[in-house]
Amino acid sequence: MLAIYLTHPQVEIDPAIPVPLWGLSQAGRARCLAAAERAPWVRQLKRIVSSAETKAIETAAMLAEAAGIKPETVEAMGENDRSATGFLTPDLFEVAADQFFAAPQESYRGWERAVDAQARIVRAVEAALADHDVDRPLLFVGHGAVGTLLKCHLLNVPITRSQDQPCGGGNLFAFRLADRKVLCDWTPIEAWQEKSL
């Protein structure tokens, strides 16, 4: 059986609102609903574990409804803490993200270090899996940076942005529950048509 790590899709950007409270945009909601309605794997899910940030909760709720289950939230699955710099315009954010991945032992202008964010997301995922039945497929719903850090850990490679998802969010990778082997690279939620989990 498989576990899937999914990043929330597009969000409604509002510099006046703290980033963890941003919700999904109309496009992001449409992508979730399309997957919920058409992707066969969604209805096979037996458990959904989500970050406690608004955009992840909204994503998890739509997919959980299609699967007929209740999502769980885990605070430690949140995105890397970037509150020290506040909102950054897209061009400045890309510079910051490059530095975050390039120097994982260092803090970019007060951001949570990549090594610390990686340790946190790995602990959160492993804690969720500790008592999980490997015969029950599950979905983790989270964020791009920590998802990439988790993927690097599962692949047993150094932290690198080359493992990052394509722009826009709403991408997933799958790994086998039995041995944590990554089975596919980042794939848009609506493009992944796995028939059996």
N, C-alpha and C. Protein backbone atom coordinates (compact mmCIF):
# COMPACT_ATOMS: atom_id res chain seq x y z
N MET A 1 0.84 -1.20 0.00
CA MET A 1 0.00 0.00 0.00
C MET A 1 0.88 1.26 0.00
N LEU A 2 0.25 2.36 -0.41
CA LEU A 2 1.00 3.59 -0.61
C LEU A 2 0.61 4.70 0.37
N ALA A 3 1.56 5.57 0.58
CA ALA A 3 1.29 6.87 1.19
C ALA A 3 1.56 7.91 0.12
N ILE A 4 0.80 8.97 0.15
CA ILE A 4 0.94 10.07 -0.81
C ILE A 4 1.21 11.34 -0.03
N TYR A 5 2.16 12.13 -0.49
CA TYR A 5 2.37 13.46 0.07
C TYR A 5 1.92 14.46 -0.99
N LEU A 6 0.94 15.28 -0.65
CA LEU A 6 0.35 16.26 -1.57
C LEU A 6 0.54 17.67 -1.03
N THR A 7 0.99 18.57 -1.89
CA THR A 7 1.06 19.98 -1.51
C THR A 7 -0.25 20.66 -1.90
N HIS A 8 -0.68 21.59 -1.07
CA HIS A 8 -1.89 22.35 -1.40
C HIS A 8 -1.70 23.06 -2.73
N PRO A 9 -2.78 23.20 -3.52
CA PRO A 9 -2.67 23.96 -4.78
C PRO A 9 -2.72 25.47 -4.54
N GLN A 10 -2.98 26.23 -5.57
CA GLN A 10 -2.87 27.69 -5.55
C GLN A 10 -3.67 28.33 -4.42
N VAL A 11 -3.11 29.42 -3.88
CA VAL A 11 -3.72 30.11 -2.75
C VAL A 11 -4.10 31.53 -3.12
N GLU A 12 -4.96 32.11 -2.29
CA GLU A 12 -5.33 33.52 -2.42
C GLU A 12 -4.29 34.33 -1.65
N ILE A 13 -3.41 35.00 -2.37
CA ILE A 13 -2.32 35.74 -1.74
C ILE A 13 -2.83 37.07 -1.22
N ASP A 14 -2.60 37.32 0.08
CA ASP A 14 -3.01 38.57 0.71
C ASP A 14 -1.91 39.00 1.67
N PRO A 15 -1.08 39.99 1.29
CA PRO A 15 0.02 40.41 2.16
C PRO A 15 -0.42 40.87 3.55
N ALA A 16 -1.70 41.23 3.71
CA ALA A 16 -2.19 41.71 5.00
C ALA A 16 -2.53 40.56 5.96
N ILE A 17 -2.54 39.33 5.47
CA ILE A 17 -2.90 38.17 6.28
C ILE A 17 -1.67 37.29 6.47
N PRO A 18 -1.43 36.79 7.68
CA PRO A 18 -0.29 35.87 7.87
C PRO A 18 -0.39 34.68 6.92
N VAL A 19 0.74 34.28 6.35
CA VAL A 19 0.76 33.22 5.33
C VAL A 19 0.07 31.93 5.80
N PRO A 20 0.26 31.48 7.05
CA PRO A 20 -0.42 30.23 7.46
C PRO A 20 -1.94 30.31 7.41
N LEU A 21 -2.50 31.52 7.35
CA LEU A 21 -3.95 31.69 7.32
C LEU A 21 -4.49 31.88 5.90
N TRP A 22 -3.63 31.91 4.91
CA TRP A 22 -4.10 32.02 3.54
C TRP A 22 -4.96 30.81 3.18
N GLY A 23 -6.03 31.06 2.42
CA GLY A 23 -6.88 29.97 1.94
C GLY A 23 -6.62 29.69 0.47
N LEU A 24 -7.26 28.67 -0.03
CA LEU A 24 -7.12 28.32 -1.44
C LEU A 24 -7.78 29.37 -2.32
N SER A 25 -7.21 29.58 -3.48
CA SER A 25 -7.84 30.45 -4.48
C SER A 25 -8.92 29.66 -5.20
N GLN A 26 -9.66 30.34 -6.05
CA GLN A 26 -10.68 29.66 -6.85
C GLN A 26 -10.05 28.56 -7.70
N ALA A 27 -8.89 28.85 -8.29
CA ALA A 27 -8.20 27.85 -9.11
C ALA A 27 -7.76 26.66 -8.26
N GLY A 28 -7.26 26.93 -7.06
CA GLY A 28 -6.83 25.85 -6.17
C GLY A 28 -7.99 24.96 -5.76
N ARG A 29 -9.12 25.57 -5.43
CA ARG A 29 -10.32 24.78 -5.06
C ARG A 29 -10.81 23.94 -6.24
N ALA A 30 -10.77 24.53 -7.43
CA ALA A 30 -11.23 23.81 -8.62
C ALA A 30 -10.36 22.58 -8.87
N ARG A 31 -9.07 22.70 -8.67
CA ARG A 31 -8.18 21.56 -8.88
C ARG A 31 -8.46 20.45 -7.87
N CYS A 32 -8.69 20.83 -6.61
CA CYS A 32 -9.02 19.82 -5.58
C CYS A 32 -10.33 19.12 -5.91
N LEU A 33 -11.31 19.89 -6.29
CA LEU A 33 -12.61 19.30 -6.61
C LEU A 33 -12.53 18.38 -7.82
N ALA A 34 -11.74 18.76 -8.82
CA ALA A 34 -11.57 17.92 -10.00
C ALA A 34 -10.94 16.58 -9.62
N ALA A 35 -9.93 16.62 -8.77
CA ALA A 35 -9.30 15.37 -8.33
C ALA A 35 -10.27 14.55 -7.49
N ALA A 36 -11.01 15.22 -6.61
CA ALA A 36 -11.97 14.50 -5.76
C ALA A 36 -13.03 13.80 -6.58
N GLU A 37 -13.44 14.42 -7.67
CA GLU A 37 -14.50 13.86 -8.50
C GLU A 37 -14.02 12.81 -9.49
N ARG A 38 -12.76 12.97 -9.98
CA ARG A 38 -12.35 12.13 -11.10
C ARG A 38 -11.20 11.16 -10.82
N ALA A 39 -10.41 11.40 -9.79
CA ALA A 39 -9.25 10.54 -9.55
C ALA A 39 -9.65 9.31 -8.74
N PRO A 40 -9.48 8.11 -9.29
CA PRO A 40 -9.92 6.91 -8.59
C PRO A 40 -9.21 6.67 -7.26
N TRP A 41 -7.98 7.14 -7.14
CA TRP A 41 -7.23 6.87 -5.91
C TRP A 41 -7.79 7.61 -4.70
N VAL A 42 -8.45 8.74 -4.94
CA VAL A 42 -8.97 9.54 -3.81
C VAL A 42 -9.96 8.73 -2.99
N ARG A 43 -10.84 8.00 -3.66
CA ARG A 43 -11.88 7.24 -2.93
C ARG A 43 -11.32 6.00 -2.23
N GLN A 44 -10.07 5.65 -2.52
CA GLN A 44 -9.45 4.51 -1.85
C GLN A 44 -8.75 4.89 -0.55
N LEU A 45 -8.61 6.18 -0.31
CA LEU A 45 -7.90 6.63 0.90
C LEU A 45 -8.63 6.19 2.17
N LYS A 46 -7.85 5.76 3.15
CA LYS A 46 -8.42 5.35 4.44
C LYS A 46 -8.08 6.33 5.56
N ARG A 47 -7.15 7.24 5.27
CA ARG A 47 -6.74 8.21 6.29
C ARG A 47 -6.11 9.41 5.60
N ILE A 48 -6.39 10.60 6.12
CA ILE A 48 -5.77 11.83 5.62
C ILE A 48 -5.22 12.60 6.82
N VAL A 49 -3.94 12.94 6.75
CA VAL A 49 -3.26 13.68 7.81
C VAL A 49 -2.78 14.99 7.20
N SER A 50 -3.23 16.10 7.76
CA SER A 50 -2.98 17.41 7.16
C SER A 50 -2.22 18.34 8.09
N SER A 51 -1.45 19.22 7.49
CA SER A 51 -0.94 20.39 8.19
C SER A 51 -2.12 21.18 8.75
N ALA A 52 -1.87 21.94 9.81
CA ALA A 52 -2.94 22.74 10.42
C ALA A 52 -3.09 24.12 9.79
N GLU A 53 -2.34 24.40 8.72
CA GLU A 53 -2.49 25.69 8.03
C GLU A 53 -3.75 25.67 7.17
N THR A 54 -4.40 26.82 7.04
CA THR A 54 -5.71 26.91 6.40
C THR A 54 -5.75 26.28 5.01
N LYS A 55 -4.79 26.59 4.17
CA LYS A 55 -4.81 26.07 2.79
C LYS A 55 -4.70 24.55 2.74
N ALA A 56 -3.95 23.97 3.66
CA ALA A 56 -3.84 22.51 3.72
C ALA A 56 -5.13 21.90 4.26
N ILE A 57 -5.70 22.52 5.28
CA ILE A 57 -6.97 22.02 5.85
C ILE A 57 -8.06 22.04 4.79
N GLU A 58 -8.13 23.11 4.00
CA GLU A 58 -9.16 23.19 2.95
C GLU A 58 -8.95 22.10 1.90
N THR A 59 -7.70 21.87 1.52
CA THR A 59 -7.39 20.81 0.55
C THR A 59 -7.80 19.45 1.10
N ALA A 60 -7.39 19.18 2.34
CA ALA A 60 -7.69 17.88 2.96
C ALA A 60 -9.19 17.66 3.09
N ALA A 61 -9.92 18.71 3.43
CA ALA A 61 -11.37 18.57 3.64
C ALA A 61 -12.08 18.15 2.36
N MET A 62 -11.70 18.73 1.24
CA MET A 62 -12.36 18.37 -0.03
C MET A 62 -12.08 16.93 -0.43
N LEU A 63 -10.85 16.48 -0.23
CA LEU A 63 -10.50 15.12 -0.60
C LEU A 63 -11.08 14.12 0.40
N ALA A 64 -11.12 14.51 1.68
CA ALA A 64 -11.68 13.63 2.69
C ALA A 64 -13.17 13.40 2.47
N GLU A 65 -13.86 14.44 2.04
CA GLU A 65 -15.30 14.28 1.76
C GLU A 65 -15.52 13.25 0.66
N ALA A 66 -14.69 13.31 -0.38
CA ALA A 66 -14.82 12.34 -1.48
C ALA A 66 -14.49 10.93 -1.03
N ALA A 67 -13.57 10.81 -0.07
CA ALA A 67 -13.16 9.49 0.43
C ALA A 67 -14.10 8.98 1.52
N GLY A 68 -14.95 9.86 2.03
CA GLY A 68 -15.87 9.46 3.10
C GLY A 68 -15.19 9.27 4.44
N ILE A 69 -14.15 10.09 4.70
CA ILE A 69 -13.42 9.99 5.97
C ILE A 69 -13.23 11.39 6.55
N LYS A 70 -12.78 11.43 7.81
CA LYS A 70 -12.51 12.71 8.48
C LYS A 70 -11.00 12.95 8.50
N PRO A 71 -10.54 14.10 8.05
CA PRO A 71 -9.10 14.37 8.09
C PRO A 71 -8.62 14.68 9.51
N GLU A 72 -7.34 14.40 9.74
CA GLU A 72 -6.67 14.76 10.99
C GLU A 72 -5.76 15.95 10.71
N THR A 73 -5.48 16.76 11.71
CA THR A 73 -4.51 17.84 11.54
C THR A 73 -3.35 17.65 12.51
N VAL A 74 -2.16 17.98 12.04
CA VAL A 74 -0.93 17.88 12.84
C VAL A 74 -0.17 19.19 12.69
N GLU A 75 -0.04 19.90 13.78
CA GLU A 75 0.62 21.21 13.78
C GLU A 75 2.04 21.13 13.22
N ALA A 76 2.76 20.07 13.54
CA ALA A 76 4.17 19.95 13.16
C ALA A 76 4.37 19.73 11.67
N MET A 77 3.29 19.55 10.91
CA MET A 77 3.41 19.38 9.46
C MET A 77 3.36 20.70 8.71
N GLY A 78 3.37 21.82 9.43
CA GLY A 78 3.30 23.13 8.79
C GLY A 78 4.52 23.43 7.92
N GLU A 79 4.39 24.45 7.10
CA GLU A 79 5.46 24.87 6.21
C GLU A 79 6.63 25.43 7.02
N ASN A 80 7.80 25.54 6.39
CA ASN A 80 8.93 26.12 7.09
C ASN A 80 8.55 27.53 7.57
N ASP A 81 8.99 27.85 8.78
CA ASP A 81 8.62 29.13 9.40
C ASP A 81 9.40 30.27 8.72
N ARG A 82 8.64 31.11 8.01
CA ARG A 82 9.24 32.23 7.29
C ARG A 82 8.76 33.56 7.86
N SER A 83 8.20 33.53 9.05
CA SER A 83 7.56 34.73 9.61
C SER A 83 8.55 35.87 9.85
N ALA A 84 9.84 35.56 9.99
CA ALA A 84 10.83 36.61 10.28
C ALA A 84 10.89 37.66 9.18
N THR A 85 10.63 37.27 7.95
CA THR A 85 10.69 38.25 6.85
C THR A 85 9.31 38.76 6.46
N GLY A 86 8.24 38.13 6.96
CA GLY A 86 6.92 38.54 6.51
C GLY A 86 6.72 38.22 5.04
N PHE A 87 5.73 38.84 4.43
CA PHE A 87 5.42 38.59 3.02
C PHE A 87 6.56 39.04 2.14
N LEU A 88 6.93 38.18 1.18
CA LEU A 88 7.93 38.54 0.17
C LEU A 88 7.28 38.47 -1.21
N THR A 89 7.58 39.42 -2.05
CA THR A 89 7.07 39.37 -3.43
C THR A 89 7.65 38.12 -4.10
N PRO A 90 7.00 37.62 -5.14
CA PRO A 90 7.45 36.36 -5.76
C PRO A 90 8.93 36.34 -6.15
N ASP A 91 9.45 37.44 -6.70
CA ASP A 91 10.87 37.44 -7.10
C ASP A 91 11.79 37.33 -5.88
N LEU A 92 11.46 38.05 -4.81
CA LEU A 92 12.28 37.98 -3.60
C LEU A 92 12.10 36.63 -2.90
N PHE A 93 10.90 36.08 -2.97
CA PHE A 93 10.68 34.77 -2.37
C PHE A 93 11.53 33.69 -3.05
N GLU A 94 11.65 33.74 -4.37
CA GLU A 94 12.45 32.74 -5.08
C GLU A 94 13.92 32.83 -4.68
N VAL A 95 14.41 34.03 -4.49
CA VAL A 95 15.80 34.21 -4.02
C VAL A 95 15.95 33.60 -2.63
N ALA A 96 14.99 33.87 -1.77
CA ALA A 96 15.04 33.35 -0.40
C ALA A 96 14.96 31.82 -0.40
N ALA A 97 14.06 31.27 -1.22
CA ALA A 97 13.91 29.82 -1.27
C ALA A 97 15.19 29.16 -1.79
N ASP A 98 15.82 29.77 -2.79
CA ASP A 98 17.08 29.24 -3.28
C ASP A 98 18.11 29.16 -2.16
N GLN A 99 18.18 30.21 -1.36
CA GLN A 99 19.15 30.26 -0.26
C GLN A 99 18.79 29.25 0.83
N PHE A 100 17.51 29.11 1.12
CA PHE A 100 17.02 28.16 2.13
C PHE A 100 17.51 26.75 1.81
N PHE A 101 17.39 26.33 0.55
CA PHE A 101 17.82 24.99 0.15
C PHE A 101 19.34 24.89 -0.04
N ALA A 102 19.96 25.96 -0.49
CA ALA A 102 21.40 25.92 -0.78
C ALA A 102 22.25 25.88 0.49
N ALA A 103 21.76 26.48 1.55
CA ALA A 103 22.52 26.52 2.81
C ALA A 103 21.63 26.00 3.94
N PRO A 104 21.36 24.69 3.96
CA PRO A 104 20.37 24.14 4.90
C PRO A 104 20.74 24.28 6.37
N GLN A 105 22.02 24.47 6.67
CA GLN A 105 22.45 24.62 8.06
C GLN A 105 22.34 26.07 8.55
N GLU A 106 22.00 26.98 7.64
CA GLU A 106 21.94 28.39 7.98
C GLU A 106 20.51 28.90 7.91
N SER A 107 20.24 29.95 8.67
CA SER A 107 18.92 30.59 8.64
C SER A 107 18.96 31.76 7.67
N TYR A 108 18.02 31.79 6.74
CA TYR A 108 17.91 32.93 5.84
C TYR A 108 17.10 34.02 6.53
N ARG A 109 17.77 35.09 6.97
CA ARG A 109 17.12 36.26 7.57
C ARG A 109 16.10 35.88 8.65
N GLY A 110 16.43 34.87 9.45
CA GLY A 110 15.57 34.49 10.56
C GLY A 110 14.61 33.35 10.27
N TRP A 111 14.59 32.85 9.04
CA TRP A 111 13.74 31.70 8.70
C TRP A 111 14.18 30.47 9.49
N GLU A 112 13.27 29.56 9.70
CA GLU A 112 13.61 28.23 10.21
C GLU A 112 14.63 27.61 9.25
N ARG A 113 15.67 27.01 9.81
CA ARG A 113 16.68 26.38 8.96
C ARG A 113 16.10 25.14 8.27
N ALA A 114 16.59 24.84 7.08
CA ALA A 114 16.09 23.67 6.34
C ALA A 114 16.33 22.38 7.11
N VAL A 115 17.47 22.27 7.78
CA VAL A 115 17.73 21.03 8.53
C VAL A 115 16.72 20.85 9.66
N ASP A 116 16.32 21.96 10.28
CA ASP A 116 15.34 21.87 11.37
C ASP A 116 13.94 21.57 10.83
N ALA A 117 13.58 22.20 9.72
CA ALA A 117 12.28 21.93 9.13
C ALA A 117 12.21 20.48 8.64
N GLN A 118 13.32 19.97 8.11
CA GLN A 118 13.34 18.58 7.66
C GLN A 118 13.16 17.63 8.85
N ALA A 119 13.88 17.86 9.92
CA ALA A 119 13.75 17.00 11.09
C ALA A 119 12.32 17.02 11.61
N ARG A 120 11.69 18.18 11.59
CA ARG A 120 10.32 18.32 12.09
C ARG A 120 9.32 17.55 11.22
N ILE A 121 9.39 17.71 9.89
CA ILE A 121 8.43 17.02 9.03
C ILE A 121 8.66 15.51 9.05
N VAL A 122 9.90 15.08 9.11
CA VAL A 122 10.18 13.64 9.20
C VAL A 122 9.61 13.07 10.49
N ARG A 123 9.80 13.77 11.61
CA ARG A 123 9.23 13.31 12.89
C ARG A 123 7.71 13.22 12.81
N ALA A 124 7.09 14.24 12.22
CA ALA A 124 5.62 14.27 12.13
C ALA A 124 5.09 13.11 11.29
N VAL A 125 5.72 12.86 10.15
CA VAL A 125 5.27 11.77 9.28
C VAL A 125 5.53 10.42 9.95
N GLU A 126 6.69 10.25 10.52
CA GLU A 126 6.99 8.97 11.18
C GLU A 126 6.07 8.73 12.38
N ALA A 127 5.72 9.78 13.11
CA ALA A 127 4.78 9.63 14.23
C ALA A 127 3.42 9.18 13.74
N ALA A 128 2.97 9.75 12.60
CA ALA A 128 1.68 9.34 12.04
C ALA A 128 1.71 7.90 11.56
N LEU A 129 2.87 7.46 11.07
CA LEU A 129 2.98 6.11 10.53
C LEU A 129 3.29 5.06 11.60
N ALA A 130 3.68 5.51 12.78
CA ALA A 130 4.13 4.57 13.82
C ALA A 130 3.10 3.50 14.15
N ASP A 131 1.84 3.90 14.22
CA ASP A 131 0.80 2.92 14.56
C ASP A 131 -0.18 2.73 13.40
N HIS A 132 0.26 3.10 12.20
CA HIS A 132 -0.62 3.01 11.04
C HIS A 132 -0.51 1.63 10.39
N ASP A 133 -1.63 1.06 10.03
CA ASP A 133 -1.68 -0.23 9.35
C ASP A 133 -1.18 -0.05 7.92
N VAL A 134 -0.12 -0.77 7.55
CA VAL A 134 0.47 -0.60 6.21
C VAL A 134 -0.45 -1.08 5.09
N ASP A 135 -1.55 -1.70 5.44
CA ASP A 135 -2.53 -2.12 4.42
C ASP A 135 -3.60 -1.06 4.18
N ARG A 136 -3.45 0.12 4.82
CA ARG A 136 -4.42 1.20 4.65
C ARG A 136 -3.74 2.40 3.99
N PRO A 137 -4.07 2.71 2.73
CA PRO A 137 -3.44 3.84 2.06
C PRO A 137 -3.81 5.16 2.72
N LEU A 138 -2.85 6.06 2.76
CA LEU A 138 -3.14 7.35 3.38
C LEU A 138 -2.51 8.50 2.59
N LEU A 139 -3.02 9.67 2.89
CA LEU A 139 -2.59 10.90 2.24
C LEU A 139 -2.11 11.89 3.28
N PHE A 140 -0.93 12.45 3.06
CA PHE A 140 -0.44 13.58 3.84
C PHE A 140 -0.67 14.83 3.00
N VAL A 141 -1.25 15.87 3.60
CA VAL A 141 -1.47 17.13 2.88
C VAL A 141 -0.63 18.21 3.54
N GLY A 142 0.24 18.81 2.76
CA GLY A 142 1.13 19.80 3.35
C GLY A 142 1.57 20.86 2.37
N HIS A 143 2.88 21.10 2.35
CA HIS A 143 3.44 22.28 1.70
C HIS A 143 4.68 21.93 0.90
N GLY A 144 5.04 22.85 -0.01
CA GLY A 144 6.11 22.58 -0.95
C GLY A 144 7.49 22.40 -0.34
N ALA A 145 7.91 23.32 0.52
CA ALA A 145 9.28 23.25 1.04
C ALA A 145 9.45 22.03 1.94
N VAL A 146 8.56 21.85 2.92
CA VAL A 146 8.73 20.70 3.81
C VAL A 146 8.47 19.38 3.07
N GLY A 147 7.61 19.41 2.06
CA GLY A 147 7.41 18.22 1.24
C GLY A 147 8.69 17.84 0.51
N THR A 148 9.40 18.83 0.00
CA THR A 148 10.68 18.58 -0.67
C THR A 148 11.70 18.05 0.32
N LEU A 149 11.72 18.60 1.52
CA LEU A 149 12.65 18.13 2.55
C LEU A 149 12.35 16.68 2.93
N LEU A 150 11.06 16.34 3.03
CA LEU A 150 10.67 14.96 3.30
C LEU A 150 11.13 14.05 2.16
N LYS A 151 10.90 14.48 0.93
CA LYS A 151 11.28 13.69 -0.24
C LYS A 151 12.79 13.45 -0.25
N CYS A 152 13.57 14.47 0.04
CA CYS A 152 15.03 14.29 0.10
C CYS A 152 15.39 13.24 1.15
N HIS A 153 14.74 13.29 2.29
CA HIS A 153 15.00 12.31 3.35
C HIS A 153 14.67 10.90 2.88
N LEU A 154 13.50 10.73 2.27
CA LEU A 154 13.08 9.40 1.82
C LEU A 154 13.99 8.86 0.72
N LEU A 155 14.50 9.75 -0.12
CA LEU A 155 15.42 9.36 -1.19
C LEU A 155 16.85 9.17 -0.68
N ASN A 156 17.08 9.59 0.57
CA ASN A 156 18.42 9.53 1.16
C ASN A 156 19.43 10.34 0.35
N VAL A 157 19.00 11.56 -0.01
CA VAL A 157 19.89 12.48 -0.72
C VAL A 157 20.01 13.77 0.09
N PRO A 158 21.08 14.53 -0.12
CA PRO A 158 21.21 15.81 0.60
C PRO A 158 20.06 16.75 0.26
N ILE A 159 19.81 17.69 1.15
CA ILE A 159 18.79 18.72 0.89
C ILE A 159 19.18 19.51 -0.35
N THR A 160 18.25 19.58 -1.30
CA THR A 160 18.51 20.29 -2.55
C THR A 160 17.20 20.75 -3.17
N ARG A 161 17.23 21.91 -3.77
CA ARG A 161 16.02 22.40 -4.41
C ARG A 161 15.73 21.68 -5.73
N SER A 162 16.69 20.91 -6.20
CA SER A 162 16.45 20.15 -7.43
C SER A 162 15.35 19.10 -7.24
N GLN A 163 15.03 18.78 -5.99
CA GLN A 163 13.93 17.84 -5.69
C GLN A 163 12.61 18.57 -5.44
N ASP A 164 12.60 19.89 -5.62
CA ASP A 164 11.41 20.70 -5.36
C ASP A 164 10.32 20.43 -6.40
N GLN A 165 9.08 20.73 -6.03
CA GLN A 165 7.94 20.55 -6.93
C GLN A 165 7.94 21.63 -8.01
N PRO A 166 7.24 21.37 -9.13
CA PRO A 166 7.03 22.43 -10.12
C PRO A 166 6.23 23.58 -9.50
N CYS A 167 6.28 24.73 -10.11
CA CYS A 167 5.57 25.90 -9.58
C CYS A 167 4.07 25.67 -9.50
N GLY A 168 3.44 26.34 -8.55
CA GLY A 168 1.98 26.35 -8.49
C GLY A 168 1.36 25.48 -7.42
N GLY A 169 2.10 24.52 -6.89
CA GLY A 169 1.54 23.64 -5.87
C GLY A 169 0.56 22.64 -6.46
N GLY A 170 -0.08 21.89 -5.57
CA GLY A 170 -1.04 20.88 -6.01
C GLY A 170 -0.36 19.70 -6.67
N ASN A 171 0.85 19.36 -6.21
CA ASN A 171 1.60 18.23 -6.74
C ASN A 171 1.78 17.17 -5.65
N LEU A 172 2.02 15.94 -6.08
CA LEU A 172 2.18 14.85 -5.13
C LEU A 172 3.32 13.94 -5.53
N PHE A 173 3.83 13.21 -4.53
CA PHE A 173 4.67 12.05 -4.80
C PHE A 173 4.17 10.94 -3.89
N ALA A 174 4.43 9.71 -4.30
CA ALA A 174 3.96 8.55 -3.53
C ALA A 174 5.15 7.76 -3.03
N PHE A 175 4.96 7.12 -1.87
CA PHE A 175 5.98 6.20 -1.38
C PHE A 175 5.31 4.98 -0.78
N ARG A 176 6.03 3.88 -0.81
CA ARG A 176 5.49 2.62 -0.32
C ARG A 176 5.54 2.60 1.20
N LEU A 177 4.45 2.21 1.83
CA LEU A 177 4.39 2.19 3.28
C LEU A 177 5.34 1.17 3.89
N ALA A 178 5.49 0.05 3.23
CA ALA A 178 6.27 -1.04 3.81
C ALA A 178 7.74 -0.68 4.01
N ASP A 179 8.32 0.06 3.05
CA ASP A 179 9.75 0.35 3.15
C ASP A 179 10.11 1.81 2.87
N ARG A 180 9.10 2.67 2.72
CA ARG A 180 9.28 4.12 2.51
C ARG A 180 9.95 4.45 1.18
N LYS A 181 9.92 3.54 0.22
CA LYS A 181 10.54 3.80 -1.08
C LYS A 181 9.68 4.76 -1.91
N VAL A 182 10.30 5.84 -2.40
CA VAL A 182 9.59 6.81 -3.25
C VAL A 182 9.32 6.16 -4.61
N LEU A 183 8.07 6.23 -5.05
CA LEU A 183 7.65 5.52 -6.26
C LEU A 183 7.40 6.42 -7.46
N CYS A 184 7.26 7.70 -7.24
CA CYS A 184 7.08 8.61 -8.37
C CYS A 184 7.56 10.00 -7.98
N ASP A 185 7.92 10.77 -8.99
CA ASP A 185 8.34 12.15 -8.76
C ASP A 185 7.09 13.02 -8.62
N TRP A 186 7.29 14.29 -8.31
CA TRP A 186 6.17 15.23 -8.19
C TRP A 186 5.29 15.14 -9.44
N THR A 187 4.00 14.99 -9.22
CA THR A 187 3.03 14.88 -10.31
C THR A 187 1.82 15.75 -9.96
N PRO A 188 1.29 16.54 -10.90
CA PRO A 188 0.09 17.33 -10.60
C PRO A 188 -1.05 16.44 -10.12
N ILE A 189 -1.79 16.93 -9.15
CA ILE A 189 -2.86 16.13 -8.53
C ILE A 189 -3.84 15.58 -9.56
N GLU A 190 -4.17 16.36 -10.57
CA GLU A 190 -5.16 15.91 -11.53
C GLU A 190 -4.58 14.97 -12.58
N ALA A 191 -3.24 14.88 -12.64
CA ALA A 191 -2.60 14.02 -13.65
C ALA A 191 -2.28 12.63 -13.13
N TRP A 192 -2.28 12.47 -11.81
CA TRP A 192 -1.91 11.16 -11.24
C TRP A 192 -3.14 10.27 -11.25
N GLN A 193 -3.11 9.25 -12.06
CA GLN A 193 -4.29 8.40 -12.26
C GLN A 193 -4.06 6.97 -11.78
N GLU A 194 -3.30 6.82 -10.69
CA GLU A 194 -3.07 5.49 -10.13
C GLU A 194 -4.39 4.81 -9.86
N LYS A 195 -4.54 3.60 -10.33
CA LYS A 195 -5.81 2.87 -10.16
C LYS A 195 -5.92 2.19 -8.79
N SER A 196 -4.78 1.76 -8.25
CA SER A 196 -4.82 1.02 -6.99
C SER A 196 -3.72 1.52 -6.06
N LEU A 197 -4.11 1.76 -4.82
CA LEU A 197 -3.14 2.18 -3.81
C LEU A 197 -2.68 1.01 -2.98
